[in-house]
């Protein structure tokens, strides 16, 4: 029987087969092969009794994301805030690079706009809308644009992601018929207490699903091995016409990207974050040997 894993808690997986949900465990052969079922996986189950089953096969994945651990995602909603908690553009750009590498659509959700100076909100919009990203600004407690959000989500499997305390649970409470636990913001760290402890899929409407995932504060570059491929994950650099075809946009002469940075056509924050990521990848690769 084929179904989809919609929730995971430790070694227990909830598999939806359309008209019934089975609490399932993975067969031991997955562990031997170093394979772990993920929320979002399409699987084959062997039904044991009325409510229990074993997962016997994981069907081919469209994609796999390690932070958070999910699979078969069409679209990522990346949540950020300006002030509460403070915006980390490096983490945002790193996450966008991962989404580009996995060929996922991205929508940036700028949450808690009522707590942010309007000029800072506009600055973020200018940087990311100019390179083709959709940005939706939210005041989570007033004028929630439900119809606009549902149109963005329609006929896709989307995932919410972002640091703890950026408003993901409040957002989901406006969309799904289930009250999700919302924690307080730590005044010391300006980060949310991580109330989402497991990953789960909710149905918004027919053929429209959304993942709720635990928050994170940073993540590793485990999706990319070679720093020379990083440039292809930055939209504003991917089609550049530099003197050298393999230009990394760092020390090479007649580099179109560096020229665009100098005249303001490419945001300095994005370029500086690119340089930091490039060096992070280069150093990590060097430390392997």
Protein backbone atom coordinates (compact mmCIF):
# COMPACT_ATOMS: atom_id res chain seq x y z
CA UNK A 1 0.00 0.00 0.00
CA UNK A 2 1.41 3.41 -1.01
CA UNK A 3 1.22 6.48 1.20
CA UNK A 4 3.07 9.61 2.33
CA UNK A 5 4.84 10.25 5.62
CA UNK A 6 3.10 13.30 7.10
CA UNK A 7 4.63 13.30 10.58
CA UNK A 8 7.64 11.81 12.36
CA UNK A 9 8.39 11.50 16.05
CA UNK A 10 11.61 9.68 16.90
CA UNK A 11 11.26 6.20 15.32
CA UNK A 12 7.52 6.47 14.64
CA UNK A 13 6.18 7.61 11.26
CA UNK A 14 2.60 8.58 10.46
CA UNK A 15 1.75 7.44 6.93
CA UNK A 16 -1.32 8.85 5.16
CA UNK A 17 -2.74 6.50 2.50
CA UNK A 18 -5.58 8.87 1.57
CA UNK A 19 -8.42 7.67 3.76
CA UNK A 20 -6.50 6.50 6.81
CA UNK A 21 -3.30 7.24 8.73
CA UNK A 22 -1.10 4.37 9.96
CA UNK A 23 1.49 4.61 12.73
CA UNK A 24 4.45 2.95 11.09
CA UNK A 25 7.98 1.83 11.84
CA UNK A 26 10.81 1.42 9.35
CA UNK A 27 12.12 -2.04 8.60
CA UNK A 28 15.57 -2.81 9.96
CA UNK A 29 17.12 -3.00 6.50
CA UNK A 30 16.87 0.81 6.18
CA UNK A 31 19.10 1.21 9.22
CA UNK A 32 21.62 -1.24 7.80
CA UNK A 33 21.77 0.78 4.58
CA UNK A 34 22.07 4.09 6.46
CA UNK A 35 18.74 5.31 5.10
CA UNK A 36 16.22 7.13 7.26
CA UNK A 37 12.61 7.84 6.20
CA UNK A 38 11.75 11.55 6.11
CA UNK A 39 8.56 13.54 6.37
CA UNK A 40 7.44 14.06 2.78
CA UNK A 41 8.61 10.65 1.60
CA UNK A 42 6.29 8.60 -0.58
CA UNK A 43 6.52 5.07 0.79
CA UNK A 44 5.19 1.54 0.51
CA UNK A 45 3.85 0.10 3.77
CA UNK A 46 3.01 -3.41 4.92
CA UNK A 47 -0.12 -3.16 7.07
CA UNK A 48 0.06 -5.29 10.22
CA UNK A 49 -3.26 -4.54 11.91
CA UNK A 50 -5.95 -1.87 12.08
CA UNK A 51 -3.64 1.05 12.90
CA UNK A 52 -0.05 -0.18 12.55
CA UNK A 53 2.27 -0.87 9.65
CA UNK A 54 5.89 -1.24 8.58
CA UNK A 55 7.58 0.92 5.93
CA UNK A 56 9.10 -1.47 3.41
CA UNK A 57 10.16 0.88 0.59
CA UNK A 58 10.97 4.57 0.12
CA UNK A 59 10.08 5.74 -3.39
CA UNK A 60 12.38 8.00 -5.39
CA UNK A 61 12.68 11.49 -3.91
CA UNK A 62 12.28 14.69 -5.89
CA UNK A 63 14.72 16.38 -3.52
CA UNK A 64 16.09 16.05 -0.01
CA UNK A 65 16.79 18.83 2.45
CA UNK A 66 18.87 18.25 5.55
CA UNK A 67 17.94 21.43 7.42
CA UNK A 68 15.13 20.73 8.16
CA UNK A 69 15.05 16.98 7.34
CA UNK A 70 12.30 16.79 4.71
CA UNK A 71 11.82 15.57 1.14
CA UNK A 72 9.74 16.20 -1.99
CA UNK A 73 9.38 19.96 -1.52
CA UNK A 74 8.13 22.18 -4.35
CA UNK A 75 8.51 25.52 -2.63
CA UNK A 76 10.24 26.98 0.42
CA UNK A 77 8.82 29.84 2.48
CA UNK A 78 11.87 31.37 4.16
CA UNK A 79 10.88 33.44 7.21
CA UNK A 80 12.94 36.41 8.36
CA UNK A 81 12.43 39.37 10.68
CA UNK A 82 14.26 42.68 10.81
CA UNK A 83 14.51 43.13 14.56
CA UNK A 84 12.90 40.43 16.67
CA UNK A 85 15.03 38.30 16.28
CA UNK A 86 17.62 40.36 14.37
CA UNK A 87 18.00 39.70 10.65
CA UNK A 88 21.01 37.59 9.66
CA UNK A 89 21.56 38.22 5.95
CA UNK A 90 24.40 35.68 5.78
CA UNK A 91 22.13 32.86 6.93
CA UNK A 92 19.39 34.07 4.59
CA UNK A 93 21.71 34.12 1.56
CA UNK A 94 23.14 30.73 2.49
CA UNK A 95 19.65 29.28 2.71
CA UNK A 96 18.65 30.83 -0.61
CA UNK A 97 21.74 29.27 -2.17
CA UNK A 98 20.62 25.87 -0.90
CA UNK A 99 17.15 26.37 -2.38
CA UNK A 100 18.64 27.36 -5.73
CA UNK A 101 20.89 24.30 -5.67
CA UNK A 102 17.88 22.06 -5.00
CA UNK A 103 15.90 23.85 -7.73
CA UNK A 104 13.09 24.90 -5.39
CA UNK A 105 10.84 27.92 -5.72
CA UNK A 106 11.38 30.42 -2.90
CA UNK A 107 9.15 32.99 -1.24
CA UNK A 108 10.72 35.24 1.41
CA UNK A 109 8.27 35.97 4.23
CA UNK A 110 9.23 39.19 6.00
CA UNK A 111 7.42 38.72 9.29
CA UNK A 112 6.60 41.18 12.10
CA UNK A 113 6.77 44.18 9.79
CA UNK A 114 4.97 46.23 12.46
CA UNK A 115 8.12 45.94 14.61
CA UNK A 116 10.46 47.03 11.80
CA UNK A 117 11.39 50.50 10.47
CA UNK A 118 9.79 50.96 7.06
CA UNK A 119 13.10 51.97 5.43
CA UNK A 120 14.74 48.69 6.51
CA UNK A 121 11.79 46.71 5.16
CA UNK A 122 12.08 48.55 1.85
CA UNK A 123 15.84 47.95 1.70
CA UNK A 124 15.34 44.18 1.98
CA UNK A 125 12.64 44.31 -0.69
CA UNK A 126 14.92 46.27 -3.01
CA UNK A 127 17.76 43.75 -2.65
CA UNK A 128 15.76 40.57 -3.17
CA UNK A 129 12.88 41.61 -5.43
CA UNK A 130 15.43 43.03 -7.87
CA UNK A 131 16.87 39.54 -8.36
CA UNK A 132 13.48 37.89 -8.79
CA UNK A 133 12.46 36.70 -5.32
CA UNK A 134 8.87 37.12 -4.16
CA UNK A 135 8.65 38.90 -0.80
CA UNK A 136 5.52 38.95 1.33
CA UNK A 137 5.48 41.33 4.32
CA UNK A 138 3.35 40.27 7.27
CA UNK A 139 1.98 41.80 10.39
CA UNK A 140 1.07 38.45 11.89
CA UNK A 141 -1.72 39.79 14.07
CA UNK A 142 -3.42 42.22 11.69
CA UNK A 143 -4.60 42.08 8.08
CA UNK A 144 -3.27 38.60 7.36
CA UNK A 145 -3.36 38.23 3.52
CA UNK A 146 -4.87 34.75 3.58
CA UNK A 147 -6.09 34.67 -0.03
CA UNK A 148 -2.74 35.93 -1.35
CA UNK A 149 -0.88 33.28 0.66
CA UNK A 150 -3.22 30.51 -0.48
CA UNK A 151 -2.67 31.53 -4.09
CA UNK A 152 1.12 31.27 -3.58
CA UNK A 153 0.71 27.83 -2.00
CA UNK A 154 -1.89 26.46 -4.44
CA UNK A 155 -1.17 23.01 -5.90
CA UNK A 156 2.27 22.86 -4.28
CA UNK A 157 3.92 21.16 -1.34
CA UNK A 158 5.58 24.00 0.55
CA UNK A 159 7.73 24.14 3.65
CA UNK A 160 8.17 26.92 6.18
CA UNK A 161 11.70 27.49 7.41
CA UNK A 162 13.65 30.05 9.36
CA UNK A 163 15.15 30.85 12.73
CA UNK A 164 13.27 30.19 15.94
CA UNK A 165 10.87 32.97 16.88
CA UNK A 166 10.30 34.50 13.43
CA UNK A 167 6.55 33.88 13.41
CA UNK A 168 6.19 30.55 11.61
CA UNK A 169 3.68 29.10 14.09
CA UNK A 170 1.56 32.27 14.05
CA UNK A 171 1.57 32.12 10.26
CA UNK A 172 0.47 28.49 10.23
CA UNK A 173 -2.24 29.13 12.80
CA UNK A 174 -3.80 31.49 10.27
CA UNK A 175 -3.82 28.75 7.63
CA UNK A 176 -4.57 25.41 9.27
CA UNK A 177 -7.35 24.28 11.52
CA UNK A 178 -5.06 23.44 14.41
CA UNK A 179 -3.63 25.65 17.12
CA UNK A 180 0.13 25.26 17.08
CA UNK A 181 2.11 25.90 20.24
CA UNK A 182 3.77 29.32 20.27
CA UNK A 183 6.62 30.00 22.66
CA UNK A 184 7.95 33.20 24.11
CA UNK A 185 10.89 35.12 22.70
CA UNK A 186 14.02 34.95 24.83
CA UNK A 187 14.79 38.54 25.79
CA UNK A 188 18.46 37.73 26.22
CA UNK A 189 18.99 36.06 22.85
CA UNK A 190 16.06 37.58 20.92
CA UNK A 191 15.30 34.09 19.64
CA UNK A 192 12.20 32.03 20.01
CA UNK A 193 11.97 29.04 22.26
CA UNK A 194 11.73 26.17 19.84
CA UNK A 195 8.11 25.04 20.26
CA UNK A 196 7.92 23.00 17.04
CA UNK A 197 9.61 19.78 18.12
CA UNK A 198 8.83 17.62 15.13
CA UNK A 199 8.11 17.99 11.43
CA UNK A 200 4.55 17.60 10.18
CA UNK A 201 2.59 18.15 6.95
CA UNK A 202 -0.78 19.91 6.97
CA UNK A 203 -3.33 19.93 4.14
CA UNK A 204 -4.44 23.47 3.29
CA UNK A 205 -6.81 22.42 0.54
CA UNK A 206 -6.89 19.83 -2.24
CA UNK A 207 -3.39 19.17 -3.66
CA UNK A 208 -1.95 21.91 -1.41
CA UNK A 209 0.24 20.96 1.54
CA UNK A 210 2.59 22.72 3.93
CA UNK A 211 5.35 21.44 6.23
CA UNK A 212 5.74 22.76 9.75
CA UNK A 213 9.38 22.35 10.78
CA UNK A 214 11.49 23.09 13.87
CA UNK A 215 13.33 26.41 13.80
CA UNK A 216 17.09 26.71 13.45
CA UNK A 217 19.73 29.34 14.09
CA UNK A 218 22.32 28.24 11.53
CA UNK A 219 23.04 25.31 9.26
CA UNK A 220 25.97 23.72 7.47
CA UNK A 221 27.02 23.83 3.82
CA UNK A 222 26.43 20.12 3.38
CA UNK A 223 24.54 20.60 0.10
CA UNK A 224 27.59 21.86 -1.82
CA UNK A 225 31.05 20.34 -2.03
CA UNK A 226 32.97 22.55 -4.45
CA UNK A 227 33.25 26.32 -3.91
CA UNK A 228 33.60 26.78 -7.68
CA UNK A 229 29.93 25.85 -8.07
CA UNK A 230 28.68 28.42 -5.56
CA UNK A 231 28.30 31.15 -8.21
CA UNK A 232 25.52 29.16 -9.90
CA UNK A 233 23.36 29.44 -6.76
CA UNK A 234 23.37 33.26 -6.84
CA UNK A 235 20.79 34.42 -9.37
CA UNK A 236 22.49 37.73 -10.13
CA UNK A 237 25.74 35.95 -10.99
CA UNK A 238 24.58 32.84 -12.81
CA UNK A 239 24.34 34.41 -16.29
CA UNK A 240 27.22 36.88 -16.06
CA UNK A 241 29.38 37.51 -19.14
CA UNK A 242 32.88 37.78 -17.72
CA UNK A 243 36.17 37.53 -19.61
CA UNK A 244 36.68 33.99 -18.32
CA UNK A 245 33.93 31.38 -18.56
CA UNK A 246 34.88 29.87 -15.20
CA UNK A 247 35.16 33.23 -13.43
CA UNK A 248 34.50 33.04 -9.70
CA UNK A 249 34.07 36.83 -9.48
CA UNK A 250 36.85 37.33 -6.93
CA UNK A 251 40.32 38.14 -8.29
CA UNK A 252 39.78 37.63 -12.03
CA UNK A 253 40.25 40.62 -14.39
CA UNK A 254 37.37 42.09 -16.44
CA UNK A 255 34.77 40.52 -14.15
CA UNK A 256 31.26 41.70 -14.99
CA UNK A 257 29.93 40.80 -11.53
CA UNK A 258 32.50 42.95 -9.70
CA UNK A 259 31.68 45.78 -12.08
CA UNK A 260 27.98 45.50 -11.25
CA UNK A 261 28.78 45.54 -7.53
CA UNK A 262 30.78 48.75 -7.96
CA UNK A 263 27.89 50.57 -9.68
CA UNK A 264 25.23 49.21 -7.34
CA UNK A 265 23.50 46.77 -9.71
CA UNK A 266 24.40 43.90 -7.38
CA UNK A 267 23.92 44.44 -3.65
CA UNK A 268 27.18 44.64 -1.70
CA UNK A 269 25.67 42.57 1.10
CA UNK A 270 24.95 39.73 -1.32
CA UNK A 271 28.43 39.90 -2.85
CA UNK A 272 30.17 40.03 0.54
CA UNK A 273 28.14 37.04 1.71
CA UNK A 274 29.10 35.22 -1.48
CA UNK A 275 32.78 35.81 -0.69
CA UNK A 276 32.31 34.55 2.88
CA UNK A 277 30.53 31.41 1.65
CA UNK A 278 33.18 30.80 -1.00
CA UNK A 279 35.94 30.93 1.61
CA UNK A 280 33.93 28.77 4.04
CA UNK A 281 33.54 26.09 1.38
CA UNK A 282 37.17 26.37 0.28
CA UNK A 283 38.47 26.04 3.84
CA UNK A 284 36.17 23.13 4.59
CA UNK A 285 37.29 21.28 1.46
CA UNK A 286 40.94 21.95 2.33
CA UNK A 287 40.48 20.60 5.84
CA UNK A 288 39.25 17.27 4.47
CA UNK A 289 42.71 16.38 3.19
